[in-house]
Amino acid sequence: MSAARLEDQDRCMWVRSLIFCMLARVVLVETDLVHCVMDKGDENESIDYLLPIQDTSVKVQHPKISIEGLDRFSDEGDHILKNVSLRVEAGQIVGIIGPSGSGKSTLLRAINRLWEPPAGTIFVDGEDITKQSVVSVRRRCGMLFQTPTLFEGTVADNVKYGPSLAGEKLTDKRIEDLLKAADLDPSFAYKSVIGLSVGQAQRVALARTLANVPEILLLDEPTSALDPISTKHIEESVLHLNRTRGLTVVFVSHSLDQVRRLADVVCLLANGQIVEVLTPSELDNAQHPLVRDYIAASM
């Protein structure tokens, strides 16, 4: 075979190898260097090609919670929530305040589907919560109520309840860690819930909620029935969880002092509508008349 013919064959093999490398889409994350090894008869030749890598992925940033045009009517036809829209970023602590009957608790309950919101009005990480199972929504969005309700048995029985429904068995160490996260001494684990103070019961309820590993914590006036020391314990637990785990928190409170201690953002609700969204330092400058009256009466 002539030397020219051999050279043509080598060139064809070289081209085929290059095409193979390109079609194989061999891509490294940190660099656009693609490495090909081509067999040319009895010798191997290693050639590095710098090929441009195009990132075709589209990264969409969604708020942790997005509420869009939410309406709620009572069975009697009263307009409880009126076209409510709210954006909560991941890791924020949002306080909701306003007069009694303004729709605060109703708004909170909609987020974990204690009442069913209309489709296309509440999203978590960009996903419509009505398209997910109620169980998964409530695991992602744990809720703590004004009055804690515990099951019969021990503190540990209560903490283990949620995971047990999913077939998960919590270790003693995990239970102790959850109690610590709720600012409750681990020695309470195997005590009966009978005889617990309201403050202790609320912290057990918090530990039980945390056992489901929620991404969002919803608090409906969780300290309104507690003494100042128990209130301090709950607040410290919430702040610690937010700072160390990035937990997103939305809470309802009638205490402006509590809102100032905890919240990054304050949502002011009146007559079923969000009338202002402020930082705690801006509360004294609220413009809406109903909100100004509420704040003045709370001082």
Protein backbone atom coordinates (compact mmCIF):
# COMPACT_ATOMS: atom_id res chain seq x y z
CA MET A 1 0.00 0.00 0.00
CA SER A 2 1.36 3.44 -0.92
CA ALA A 3 2.53 5.91 1.71
CA ALA A 4 -0.11 8.38 0.52
CA ARG A 5 -2.83 5.74 1.03
CA LEU A 6 -1.62 5.03 4.59
CA GLU A 7 -1.56 8.71 5.39
CA ASP A 8 -5.14 9.06 4.15
CA GLN A 9 -6.21 6.14 6.37
CA ASP A 10 -4.53 7.69 9.41
CA ARG A 11 -6.24 10.95 8.73
CA CYS A 12 -9.62 9.23 8.46
CA MET A 13 -9.05 7.41 11.77
CA TRP A 14 -8.03 10.71 13.40
CA VAL A 15 -11.24 12.39 12.17
CA ARG A 16 -13.42 9.45 13.25
CA SER A 17 -11.90 9.53 16.73
CA LEU A 18 -12.48 13.24 17.03
CA ILE A 19 -16.12 12.86 15.99
CA PHE A 20 -16.52 10.02 18.50
CA CYS A 21 -15.24 12.22 21.30
CA MET A 22 -17.57 15.04 20.33
CA LEU A 23 -20.60 12.76 20.10
CA ALA A 24 -19.76 11.10 23.41
CA ARG A 25 -20.20 14.50 25.12
CA VAL A 26 -17.44 13.84 27.61
CA VAL A 27 -17.70 16.89 29.84
CA LEU A 28 -15.95 17.72 33.09
CA VAL A 29 -17.70 20.03 35.55
CA GLU A 30 -14.76 22.25 36.48
CA THR A 31 -13.14 22.59 33.01
CA ASP A 32 -13.93 22.38 29.33
CA LEU A 33 -11.04 20.00 28.63
CA VAL A 34 -12.04 16.86 26.73
CA HIS A 35 -9.38 14.13 26.54
CA CYS A 36 -9.31 11.65 23.63
CA VAL A 37 -6.94 8.77 22.95
CA MET A 38 -6.66 7.60 19.34
CA ASP A 39 -5.21 4.34 18.15
CA LYS A 40 -2.99 4.85 15.12
CA GLY A 41 -1.76 1.44 14.20
CA ASP A 42 0.86 0.29 16.67
CA GLU A 43 1.10 3.53 18.64
CA ASN A 44 -1.29 5.45 20.85
CA GLU A 45 -1.45 9.19 20.57
CA SER A 46 -3.07 11.28 23.30
CA ILE A 47 -4.52 14.60 22.20
CA ASP A 48 -6.32 17.18 24.35
CA TYR A 49 -9.05 19.24 22.74
CA LEU A 50 -10.45 22.37 24.32
CA LEU A 51 -14.09 22.28 23.35
CA PRO A 52 -16.53 25.01 24.38
CA ILE A 53 -19.11 23.76 26.91
CA GLN A 54 -22.44 25.54 26.90
CA ASP A 55 -24.54 25.47 30.04
CA THR A 56 -28.06 25.02 28.71
CA SER A 57 -29.64 24.56 32.14
CA VAL A 58 -32.01 27.28 33.26
CA LYS A 59 -31.83 27.93 37.00
CA VAL A 60 -35.08 29.33 38.32
CA GLN A 61 -35.09 30.76 41.82
CA HIS A 62 -38.42 30.34 43.57
CA PRO A 63 -39.40 31.84 46.92
CA LYS A 64 -39.86 29.25 49.66
CA ILE A 65 -43.54 30.18 49.94
CA SER A 66 -45.49 32.08 47.32
CA ILE A 67 -49.13 33.03 47.88
CA GLU A 68 -50.89 34.45 44.83
CA GLY A 69 -54.36 35.99 44.89
CA LEU A 70 -55.70 33.81 47.73
CA ASP A 71 -59.39 34.26 48.61
CA ARG A 72 -61.33 32.57 51.38
CA PHE A 73 -65.05 32.75 52.12
CA SER A 74 -66.81 31.47 55.23
CA ASP A 75 -69.76 29.10 54.98
CA GLU A 76 -71.95 32.15 55.50
CA GLY A 77 -70.34 33.91 52.57
CA ASP A 78 -68.14 36.33 54.51
CA HIS A 79 -64.94 37.30 52.72
CA ILE A 80 -62.23 36.18 55.18
CA LEU A 81 -59.18 36.55 52.93
CA LYS A 82 -59.25 38.98 50.02
CA ASN A 83 -56.83 38.48 47.15
CA VAL A 84 -53.88 37.87 49.48
CA SER A 85 -50.44 37.70 47.88
CA LEU A 86 -47.23 37.16 49.84
CA ARG A 87 -43.68 36.05 49.11
CA VAL A 88 -41.54 34.38 51.80
CA GLU A 89 -37.90 33.70 51.02
CA ALA A 90 -36.08 30.61 52.26
CA GLY A 91 -34.68 31.09 55.76
CA GLN A 92 -36.83 34.14 56.56
CA ILE A 93 -38.83 34.60 59.74
CA VAL A 94 -42.08 36.34 58.86
CA GLY A 95 -44.40 37.66 61.56
CA ILE A 96 -48.11 38.20 60.82
CA ILE A 97 -49.95 40.70 62.98
CA GLY A 98 -53.31 42.41 62.87
CA PRO A 99 -56.64 42.78 64.69
CA SER A 100 -58.62 39.72 65.76
CA GLY A 101 -60.71 38.35 62.91
CA SER A 102 -58.43 39.74 60.21
CA GLY A 103 -57.63 36.30 58.78
CA LYS A 104 -54.20 35.64 60.28
CA SER A 105 -54.78 32.07 61.45
CA THR A 106 -56.79 31.28 58.33
CA LEU A 107 -53.84 32.32 56.18
CA LEU A 108 -51.46 30.18 58.21
CA ARG A 109 -53.74 27.13 58.03
CA ALA A 110 -53.98 27.44 54.26
CA ILE A 111 -50.23 26.91 53.89
CA ASN A 112 -50.38 23.36 55.26
CA ARG A 113 -53.88 22.65 53.95
CA LEU A 114 -55.78 22.56 57.21
CA TRP A 115 -58.30 24.14 54.93
CA GLU A 116 -58.00 23.54 51.22
CA PRO A 117 -56.85 26.59 49.23
CA PRO A 118 -57.86 26.94 45.58
CA ALA A 119 -55.43 25.43 43.09
CA GLY A 120 -52.79 27.82 41.83
CA THR A 121 -52.75 30.07 44.89
CA ILE A 122 -50.10 28.63 47.26
CA PHE A 123 -46.71 27.32 46.15
CA VAL A 124 -43.77 25.88 48.10
CA ASP A 125 -40.49 25.96 46.16
CA GLY A 126 -42.54 26.76 43.07
CA GLU A 127 -44.79 23.70 43.45
CA ASP A 128 -48.56 24.05 43.84
CA ILE A 129 -49.36 22.47 47.22
CA THR A 130 -52.77 21.29 45.98
CA LYS A 131 -50.96 19.02 43.51
CA GLN A 132 -49.15 17.22 46.34
CA SER A 133 -50.50 14.82 48.93
CA VAL A 134 -51.77 16.37 52.15
CA VAL A 135 -49.34 14.20 54.14
CA SER A 136 -46.29 15.44 52.21
CA VAL A 137 -47.42 19.07 52.52
CA ARG A 138 -47.88 18.76 56.28
CA ARG A 139 -44.50 17.10 56.67
CA ARG A 140 -42.84 19.94 54.78
CA CYS A 141 -44.90 22.59 56.59
CA GLY A 142 -45.01 21.68 60.28
CA MET A 143 -47.47 23.61 62.44
CA LEU A 144 -47.57 24.50 66.12
CA PHE A 145 -50.82 25.72 67.62
CA GLN A 146 -51.73 28.07 70.44
CA THR A 147 -52.77 25.19 72.72
CA PRO A 148 -50.62 22.05 72.53
CA THR A 149 -52.45 18.76 72.09
CA LEU A 150 -50.51 15.67 73.12
CA PHE A 151 -51.38 12.00 72.80
CA GLU A 152 -51.57 9.64 75.74
CA GLY A 153 -48.33 7.98 76.71
CA THR A 154 -44.83 9.28 77.19
CA VAL A 155 -43.06 12.29 75.75
CA ALA A 156 -41.07 9.91 73.52
CA ASP A 157 -44.30 8.31 72.25
CA ASN A 158 -45.42 11.73 71.06
CA VAL A 159 -42.11 12.62 69.44
CA LYS A 160 -42.01 9.28 67.58
CA TYR A 161 -45.58 9.53 66.31
CA GLY A 162 -45.05 11.28 62.96
CA PRO A 163 -42.04 9.25 61.79
CA SER A 164 -43.75 6.01 62.85
CA LEU A 165 -46.56 6.73 60.37
CA ALA A 166 -43.92 6.73 57.65
CA GLY A 167 -42.40 3.48 58.92
CA GLU A 168 -39.40 5.20 60.50
CA LYS A 169 -38.16 4.24 63.95
CA LEU A 170 -36.41 6.97 65.90
CA THR A 171 -33.43 6.04 68.04
CA ASP A 172 -33.20 7.16 71.65
CA LYS A 173 -30.38 9.49 70.61
CA ARG A 174 -32.54 11.09 67.93
CA ILE A 175 -35.37 11.63 70.41
CA GLU A 176 -32.97 13.25 72.87
CA ASP A 177 -31.62 15.52 70.12
CA LEU A 178 -35.15 16.60 69.16
CA LEU A 179 -36.00 17.42 72.77
CA LYS A 180 -32.81 19.46 73.05
CA ALA A 181 -33.72 21.31 69.84
CA ALA A 182 -37.04 22.19 71.48
CA ASP A 183 -35.18 23.37 74.59
CA LEU A 184 -36.44 20.50 76.73
CA ASP A 185 -34.20 18.33 78.89
CA PRO A 186 -33.75 14.82 77.39
CA SER A 187 -34.64 13.33 80.78
CA PHE A 188 -38.29 14.10 79.91
CA ALA A 189 -38.27 11.48 77.13
CA TYR A 190 -39.87 8.67 79.10
CA LYS A 191 -42.04 10.74 81.38
CA SER A 192 -45.78 10.66 81.01
CA VAL A 193 -47.30 13.67 79.30
CA ILE A 194 -49.75 13.84 82.19
CA GLY A 195 -48.62 16.52 84.60
CA LEU A 196 -46.53 18.53 82.14
CA SER A 197 -46.88 22.27 82.34
CA VAL A 198 -48.32 24.10 79.34
CA GLY A 199 -44.86 25.37 78.50
CA GLN A 200 -43.35 21.88 78.66
CA ALA A 201 -46.22 20.45 76.60
CA GLN A 202 -45.68 23.13 73.95
CA ARG A 203 -42.01 22.20 73.72
CA VAL A 204 -42.93 18.52 73.35
CA ALA A 205 -45.29 19.53 70.55
CA LEU A 206 -42.42 21.46 68.93
CA ALA A 207 -40.12 18.41 69.18
CA ARG A 208 -42.87 16.25 67.66
CA THR A 209 -43.18 18.69 64.77
CA LEU A 210 -39.42 18.77 64.23
CA ALA A 211 -39.32 14.95 64.11
CA ASN A 212 -40.90 15.18 60.66
CA VAL A 213 -37.95 17.31 59.49
CA PRO A 214 -40.06 20.20 58.17
CA GLU A 215 -38.69 22.81 55.80
CA ILE A 216 -41.18 25.38 57.07
CA LEU A 217 -42.43 25.99 60.60
CA LEU A 218 -45.86 27.59 61.02
CA LEU A 219 -46.59 28.98 64.47
CA ASP A 220 -50.11 30.11 65.39
CA GLU A 221 -49.68 32.21 68.55
CA PRO A 222 -47.61 29.42 70.16
CA THR A 223 -46.69 31.41 73.27
CA SER A 224 -49.91 33.29 73.98
CA ALA A 225 -50.79 30.92 76.85
CA LEU A 226 -47.26 30.69 78.24
CA ASP A 227 -45.47 32.45 81.07
CA PRO A 228 -42.51 34.72 80.19
CA ILE A 229 -39.89 32.06 80.90
CA SER A 230 -41.61 29.43 78.74
CA THR A 231 -42.10 32.05 76.02
CA LYS A 232 -38.38 32.79 76.13
CA HIS A 233 -37.57 29.07 75.75
CA ILE A 234 -39.82 28.71 72.68
CA GLU A 235 -38.46 31.88 71.07
CA GLU A 236 -34.86 30.80 71.63
CA SER A 237 -35.63 27.41 70.08
CA VAL A 238 -37.18 29.01 67.00
CA LEU A 239 -34.25 31.39 66.51
CA HIS A 240 -31.74 28.57 66.98
CA LEU A 241 -33.51 26.38 64.41
CA ASN A 242 -33.64 29.25 61.97
CA ARG A 243 -29.97 30.14 62.36
CA THR A 244 -28.52 26.63 62.44
CA ARG A 245 -30.83 24.79 60.04
CA GLY A 246 -32.10 27.59 57.84
CA LEU A 247 -35.69 26.77 58.81
CA THR A 248 -38.23 29.13 57.25
CA VAL A 249 -40.69 30.38 59.88
CA VAL A 250 -44.08 32.07 59.55
CA PHE A 251 -45.77 32.97 62.82
CA VAL A 252 -48.89 34.77 64.02
CA SER A 253 -48.62 36.90 67.13
CA HIS A 254 -50.46 39.64 68.99
CA SER A 255 -47.25 40.69 70.71
CA LEU A 256 -45.37 43.50 68.99
CA ASP A 257 -42.44 42.86 71.30
CA GLN A 258 -42.27 39.26 70.13
CA VAL A 259 -42.47 40.32 66.50
CA ARG A 260 -39.60 42.72 67.04
CA ARG A 261 -37.53 39.98 68.70
CA LEU A 262 -38.10 37.31 66.08
CA ALA A 263 -39.19 38.62 62.70
CA ASP A 264 -37.15 39.63 59.69
CA VAL A 265 -40.30 40.84 57.96
CA VAL A 266 -43.68 41.84 59.37
CA CYS A 267 -46.88 41.33 57.41
CA LEU A 268 -49.78 43.52 58.56
CA LEU A 269 -53.21 42.01 57.92
CA ALA A 270 -56.48 43.94 58.27
CA ASN A 271 -59.97 42.95 57.12
CA GLY A 272 -58.61 39.96 55.26
CA GLN A 273 -56.08 41.95 53.27
CA ILE A 274 -52.32 42.46 53.51
CA VAL A 275 -52.10 46.20 53.85
CA GLU A 276 -48.40 46.62 54.60
CA VAL A 277 -45.19 44.60 54.68
CA LEU A 278 -42.45 46.16 56.80
CA THR A 279 -39.33 45.36 58.76
CA PRO A 280 -39.71 45.41 62.57
CA SER A 281 -37.84 48.72 62.76
CA GLU A 282 -40.43 50.28 60.45
CA LEU A 283 -43.49 49.29 62.49
CA ASP A 284 -43.83 52.68 64.14
CA ASN A 285 -44.07 54.23 60.66
CA ALA A 286 -46.98 52.07 59.45
CA GLN A 287 -49.31 54.13 57.27
CA HIS A 288 -52.59 52.21 57.18
CA PRO A 289 -55.10 53.71 59.70
CA LEU A 290 -56.28 50.33 61.03
CA VAL A 291 -52.72 49.18 61.54
CA ARG A 292 -51.72 52.42 63.23
CA ASP A 293 -54.66 52.05 65.63
CA TYR A 294 -53.71 48.43 66.31
CA ILE A 295 -50.09 49.31 67.03
CA ALA A 296 -51.08 52.24 69.23
CA ALA A 297 -53.44 50.03 71.24
CA SER A 298 -50.73 47.39 71.64
CA MET A 299 -48.23 49.76 73.27
